[in-house]
Amino acid sequence: MWSFNIETGGWSKIRYKNNPCEARGGHSIFAIGNKIYVYGGWNLETQYNDIATFNIDTKEWSDPEIYNEIPRWNFSAVMVEAIPSWKYFIFGGEKGDFPEGGPRRFGTFINSSCVLDIDSMSWMEIKTEDEYKEEGPYHPQEREYSSMIYDSKNYRLVIFGGWANEWLSDVHALNVSSIVGPPYAITEIIPNLGQLTGGNTVSMKGVGFKDTSEIKVRFAVGKLLKDVSGTYINENEITCVTPNFEEIGPKECEVRMNIQGGDYTNTW
């Protein structure tokens, strides 16, 4: 492994403190914080569905023993910043069995998609909304070497081209909003108790808040909805004044707050 210094324009070889993962090609590599993650790939002896990690600070490798459903190589991959946990998406590639003691054979092109949750370090196969239609789900053609990006405005993966015994030039998109979630999260409401007549100043703590021209906070009790204006304090706090719900009577109720498209449920 080598590192490139952006300021000096020079390369330097990284010296490991312990044994690295097995040599491979056709894998992917990504970095978060002080760790580099290596996933998948193959060599002349075997194929991989594991993840190896390298600590940039300690220069040590580790094997967390996290495996995907099938080994694959030459796939496309992209890391997506999501709250509270980053998501790592992969699509397509090749899969196949290597005969014991025999030469490597060409694999089979695939078109399945998976996502790795970085916090829990667990894999999940992505199922499309039309997965259970009688005519079957829609998937792009099986391929390897395709390019993939994440369109954060529309919460979708965009896949272009690749190889499937010929070079492809098609484009496909997959909405992953249900996996990535909104670009912010509410973690706490202070205070978490208040009078039904409203008038309480509430502070909503979280991450990823943005200072927009209009912030609406929606309170819901059953089918009764009430919107109030929110005030941006910083990227970790929004405040508002609670509305009046006294017409529902003196009882405990569940209030659902919706800020900029994301939900947070609390009992008042």
Protein backbone atom coordinates (compact mmCIF):
# COMPACT_ATOMS: atom_id res chain seq x y z
CA MET A 1 0.00 0.00 0.00
CA TRP A 2 1.19 3.49 -0.89
CA SER A 3 0.08 6.97 0.17
CA PHE A 4 0.14 10.16 -1.88
CA ASN A 5 0.91 13.51 -0.25
CA ILE A 6 -1.36 16.13 -1.85
CA GLU A 7 0.83 19.06 -0.81
CA THR A 8 4.23 17.70 -1.90
CA GLY A 9 3.02 15.53 -4.77
CA GLY A 10 5.13 12.62 -3.55
CA TRP A 11 4.42 8.91 -3.01
CA SER A 12 5.57 6.90 0.01
CA LYS A 13 5.25 3.21 0.80
CA ILE A 14 3.32 2.30 3.95
CA ARG A 15 5.15 -0.10 6.28
CA TYR A 16 2.87 -2.62 8.02
CA LYS A 17 3.19 -3.63 11.68
CA ASN A 18 1.69 -7.08 10.99
CA ASN A 19 0.72 -9.35 8.12
CA PRO A 20 -1.67 -7.81 5.54
CA CYS A 21 -4.70 -9.44 3.96
CA GLU A 22 -4.08 -11.86 1.09
CA ALA A 23 -3.00 -10.36 -2.22
CA ARG A 24 -5.89 -9.81 -4.61
CA GLY A 25 -7.24 -7.89 -7.58
CA GLY A 26 -10.71 -6.77 -8.63
CA HIS A 27 -11.48 -5.64 -5.08
CA SER A 28 -12.70 -2.29 -3.75
CA ILE A 29 -11.15 0.01 -1.17
CA PHE A 30 -12.63 2.86 0.87
CA ALA A 31 -11.68 4.91 3.91
CA ILE A 32 -13.63 6.28 6.88
CA GLY A 33 -11.94 8.01 9.78
CA ASN A 34 -8.62 6.31 10.53
CA LYS A 35 -9.48 3.01 8.85
CA ILE A 36 -9.15 1.69 5.32
CA TYR A 37 -11.51 -1.11 4.27
CA VAL A 38 -10.78 -3.69 1.56
CA TYR A 39 -13.64 -5.81 0.22
CA GLY A 40 -13.87 -8.74 -2.20
CA GLY A 41 -11.62 -9.52 -5.15
CA TRP A 42 -9.80 -12.62 -6.37
CA ASN A 43 -6.37 -14.05 -7.11
CA LEU A 44 -5.11 -17.14 -8.94
CA GLU A 45 -6.02 -19.40 -6.00
CA THR A 46 -9.27 -18.13 -4.52
CA GLN A 47 -12.01 -15.49 -4.53
CA TYR A 48 -13.08 -13.34 -1.60
CA ASN A 49 -16.24 -12.14 0.10
CA ASP A 50 -14.55 -10.81 3.23
CA ILE A 51 -13.62 -7.36 4.54
CA ALA A 52 -10.12 -6.55 5.75
CA THR A 53 -9.36 -3.34 7.65
CA PHE A 54 -6.17 -1.33 7.99
CA ASN A 55 -5.65 1.17 10.82
CA ILE A 56 -3.84 4.21 9.43
CA ASP A 57 -2.60 5.30 12.87
CA THR A 58 -1.23 1.96 14.12
CA LYS A 59 -0.32 0.58 10.65
CA GLU A 60 -1.98 -2.73 11.62
CA TRP A 61 -4.28 -5.02 9.62
CA SER A 62 -7.26 -6.85 11.09
CA ASP A 63 -9.86 -9.36 9.92
CA PRO A 64 -13.29 -8.65 11.46
CA GLU A 65 -14.69 -11.86 9.87
CA ILE A 66 -17.51 -10.13 8.03
CA TYR A 67 -18.65 -11.95 4.90
CA ASN A 68 -21.05 -11.14 2.09
CA GLU A 69 -23.40 -13.71 0.59
CA ILE A 70 -21.21 -14.54 -2.42
CA PRO A 71 -17.60 -13.79 -3.39
CA ARG A 72 -17.40 -11.25 -6.21
CA TRP A 73 -14.83 -9.19 -8.08
CA ASN A 74 -14.74 -6.41 -10.72
CA PHE A 75 -17.92 -4.94 -9.19
CA SER A 76 -18.86 -1.28 -8.86
CA ALA A 77 -19.04 0.34 -5.43
CA VAL A 78 -19.72 3.68 -3.77
CA MET A 79 -19.63 4.93 -0.18
CA VAL A 80 -22.60 7.10 0.85
CA GLU A 81 -22.66 9.43 3.83
CA ALA A 82 -25.83 8.68 5.77
CA ILE A 83 -27.03 9.55 9.26
CA PRO A 84 -26.37 8.01 11.68
CA SER A 85 -24.43 5.28 9.82
CA TRP A 86 -22.59 5.45 6.49
CA LYS A 87 -23.66 2.97 3.81
CA TYR A 88 -21.46 1.13 1.30
CA PHE A 89 -23.26 0.02 -1.87
CA ILE A 90 -22.00 -2.54 -4.40
CA PHE A 91 -23.46 -3.70 -7.71
CA GLY A 92 -22.70 -6.42 -10.23
CA GLY A 93 -19.31 -7.91 -10.92
CA GLU A 94 -18.31 -11.52 -11.45
CA LYS A 95 -18.76 -14.62 -9.33
CA GLY A 96 -17.64 -18.20 -9.80
CA ASP A 97 -16.04 -21.29 -8.30
CA PHE A 98 -12.36 -22.08 -8.60
CA PRO A 99 -11.73 -25.81 -8.98
CA GLU A 100 -9.36 -27.14 -6.33
CA GLY A 101 -5.86 -27.44 -7.78
CA GLY A 102 -7.08 -26.28 -11.19
CA PRO A 103 -6.64 -23.07 -13.17
CA ARG A 104 -8.86 -20.04 -12.72
CA ARG A 105 -11.93 -20.06 -14.91
CA PHE A 106 -13.95 -17.09 -16.06
CA GLY A 107 -16.77 -16.24 -13.68
CA THR A 108 -20.43 -15.46 -14.27
CA PHE A 109 -21.64 -11.89 -14.62
CA ILE A 110 -24.11 -10.82 -11.92
CA ASN A 111 -26.49 -7.89 -11.39
CA SER A 112 -27.41 -8.13 -7.71
CA SER A 113 -26.94 -5.19 -5.31
CA CYS A 114 -25.89 -5.19 -1.65
CA VAL A 115 -25.31 -2.60 1.04
CA LEU A 116 -23.01 -2.66 4.07
CA ASP A 117 -24.00 -0.71 7.19
CA ILE A 118 -20.73 0.67 8.53
CA ASP A 119 -21.83 0.94 12.18
CA SER A 120 -23.18 -2.61 12.50
CA MET A 121 -20.81 -3.98 9.81
CA SER A 122 -23.61 -6.14 8.42
CA TRP A 123 -24.56 -6.83 4.80
CA MET A 124 -28.05 -6.68 3.32
CA GLU A 125 -29.17 -7.63 -0.17
CA ILE A 126 -31.19 -4.87 -1.80
CA LYS A 127 -34.69 -5.89 -2.86
CA THR A 128 -36.53 -3.66 -5.33
CA GLU A 129 -40.16 -2.61 -4.88
CA ASP A 130 -41.22 -4.79 -7.82
CA GLU A 131 -39.43 -7.87 -6.45
CA TYR A 132 -42.64 -9.82 -5.98
CA LYS A 133 -44.50 -8.83 -9.15
CA GLU A 134 -45.82 -11.70 -11.22
CA GLU A 135 -43.64 -10.73 -14.17
CA GLY A 136 -40.64 -10.49 -11.86
CA PRO A 137 -38.47 -7.55 -10.81
CA TYR A 138 -36.64 -5.24 -13.17
CA HIS A 139 -32.85 -5.44 -13.01
CA PRO A 140 -30.12 -4.11 -15.30
CA GLN A 141 -28.27 -6.63 -17.45
CA GLU A 142 -25.58 -8.62 -15.63
CA ARG A 143 -22.17 -6.94 -15.96
CA GLU A 144 -18.78 -6.05 -14.52
CA TYR A 145 -16.61 -2.90 -14.63
CA SER A 146 -19.59 -0.53 -14.55
CA SER A 147 -19.34 2.95 -13.02
CA MET A 148 -21.60 3.92 -10.12
CA ILE A 149 -22.26 7.23 -8.35
CA TYR A 150 -24.72 8.38 -5.70
CA ASP A 151 -27.16 11.16 -6.61
CA SER A 152 -27.75 12.77 -3.20
CA LYS A 153 -30.47 15.12 -4.47
CA ASN A 154 -32.71 12.25 -5.61
CA TYR A 155 -31.41 9.55 -3.21
CA ARG A 156 -30.49 7.15 -5.99
CA LEU A 157 -27.61 5.09 -7.28
CA VAL A 158 -26.80 5.74 -10.94
CA ILE A 159 -25.01 2.98 -12.89
CA PHE A 160 -23.38 3.46 -16.27
CA GLY A 161 -21.93 1.00 -18.76
CA GLY A 162 -19.71 -1.96 -18.01
CA TRP A 163 -18.69 -5.18 -19.72
CA ALA A 164 -20.82 -8.25 -20.52
CA ASN A 165 -18.95 -9.83 -23.44
CA GLU A 166 -19.30 -6.39 -25.05
CA TRP A 167 -18.98 -2.83 -23.82
CA LEU A 168 -22.30 -1.42 -22.61
CA SER A 169 -23.45 2.22 -22.77
CA ASP A 170 -26.74 2.13 -20.85
CA VAL A 171 -27.71 4.03 -17.68
CA HIS A 172 -29.82 2.73 -14.78
CA ALA A 173 -30.97 4.28 -11.50
CA LEU A 174 -32.02 2.70 -8.20
CA ASN A 175 -33.80 4.69 -5.49
CA VAL A 176 -32.25 3.89 -2.09
CA SER A 177 -33.95 6.58 0.00
CA SER A 178 -35.44 3.96 2.34
CA ILE A 179 -31.90 2.75 3.12
CA VAL A 180 -30.02 6.03 3.27
CA GLY A 181 -32.76 8.02 5.00
CA PRO A 182 -32.94 11.82 5.30
CA PRO A 183 -29.74 13.92 5.42
CA TYR A 184 -30.26 14.64 9.10
CA ALA A 185 -31.43 12.91 12.28
CA ILE A 186 -33.17 14.00 15.49
CA THR A 187 -31.65 12.43 18.57
CA GLU A 188 -33.34 14.23 21.46
CA ILE A 189 -36.18 16.63 22.33
CA ILE A 190 -35.83 18.92 25.36
CA PRO A 191 -38.08 19.01 27.31
CA ASN A 192 -39.78 15.70 26.53
CA LEU A 193 -42.93 16.65 28.47
CA GLY A 194 -45.25 19.61 27.93
CA GLN A 195 -48.75 20.97 28.39
CA LEU A 196 -51.45 20.24 25.81
CA THR A 197 -52.29 23.94 25.59
CA GLY A 198 -48.92 24.48 23.91
CA GLY A 199 -46.67 27.48 24.26
CA ASN A 200 -43.62 25.44 25.31
CA THR A 201 -40.27 26.23 23.71
CA VAL A 202 -38.81 22.94 22.53
CA SER A 203 -35.20 22.30 21.55
CA MET A 204 -34.61 19.48 19.06
CA LYS A 205 -31.07 18.11 19.13
CA GLY A 206 -29.57 16.16 16.25
CA VAL A 207 -27.12 16.20 13.37
CA GLY A 208 -27.21 17.52 9.82
CA PHE A 209 -29.66 20.42 10.24
CA LYS A 210 -29.46 23.15 7.56
CA ASP A 211 -30.34 26.83 7.71
CA THR A 212 -33.12 27.04 5.13
CA SER A 213 -35.55 29.87 4.41
CA GLU A 214 -38.44 27.92 5.91
CA ILE A 215 -38.32 25.21 8.58
CA LYS A 216 -41.59 23.51 9.46
CA VAL A 217 -42.05 21.27 12.47
CA ARG A 218 -45.15 19.07 12.29
CA PHE A 219 -46.91 17.76 15.39
CA ALA A 220 -49.40 14.91 14.95
CA VAL A 221 -51.85 13.34 17.37
CA GLY A 222 -53.73 10.64 15.51
CA LYS A 223 -55.11 12.35 12.39
CA LEU A 224 -54.83 15.82 13.91
CA LEU A 225 -51.85 17.66 12.38
CA LYS A 226 -50.42 21.03 13.29
CA ASP A 227 -47.41 22.79 11.75
CA VAL A 228 -45.29 25.42 13.47
CA SER A 229 -42.24 27.37 12.34
CA GLY A 230 -38.84 26.18 13.48
CA THR A 231 -35.79 28.31 14.21
CA TYR A 232 -32.34 27.19 13.09
CA ILE A 233 -29.78 27.50 15.88
CA ASN A 234 -26.93 25.47 14.40
CA GLU A 235 -26.41 22.18 12.56
CA ASN A 236 -27.15 20.34 15.81
CA GLU A 237 -30.19 22.24 17.11
CA ILE A 238 -33.58 23.57 15.99
CA THR A 239 -36.15 25.18 18.31
CA CYS A 240 -39.88 25.80 18.03
CA VAL A 241 -42.92 26.64 20.16
CA THR A 242 -45.44 23.80 20.63
CA PRO A 243 -49.00 24.19 19.27
CA ASN A 244 -52.25 23.88 21.22
CA PHE A 245 -53.78 20.37 21.41
CA GLU A 246 -56.25 20.96 24.25
CA GLU A 247 -59.21 19.92 22.05
CA ILE A 248 -58.11 16.27 22.29
CA GLY A 249 -58.60 16.25 26.08
CA PRO A 250 -56.27 15.67 29.02
CA LYS A 251 -54.61 12.44 27.99
CA GLU A 252 -51.18 11.20 27.09
CA CYS A 253 -50.64 11.35 23.36
CA GLU A 254 -48.00 10.47 20.82
CA VAL A 255 -46.59 13.44 18.95
CA ARG A 256 -44.84 12.90 15.63
CA MET A 257 -42.50 15.70 14.68
CA ASN A 258 -41.57 16.08 11.02
CA ILE A 259 -38.67 18.38 10.20
CA GLN A 260 -37.58 18.90 6.59
CA GLY A 261 -38.92 15.49 5.64
CA GLY A 262 -37.68 13.34 8.55
CA ASP A 263 -39.75 11.93 11.41
CA TYR A 264 -39.20 11.74 15.14
CA THR A 265 -41.81 10.27 17.48
CA ASN A 266 -42.12 11.25 21.14
CA THR A 267 -44.76 10.97 23.86
CA TRP A 268 -46.20 14.09 25.43
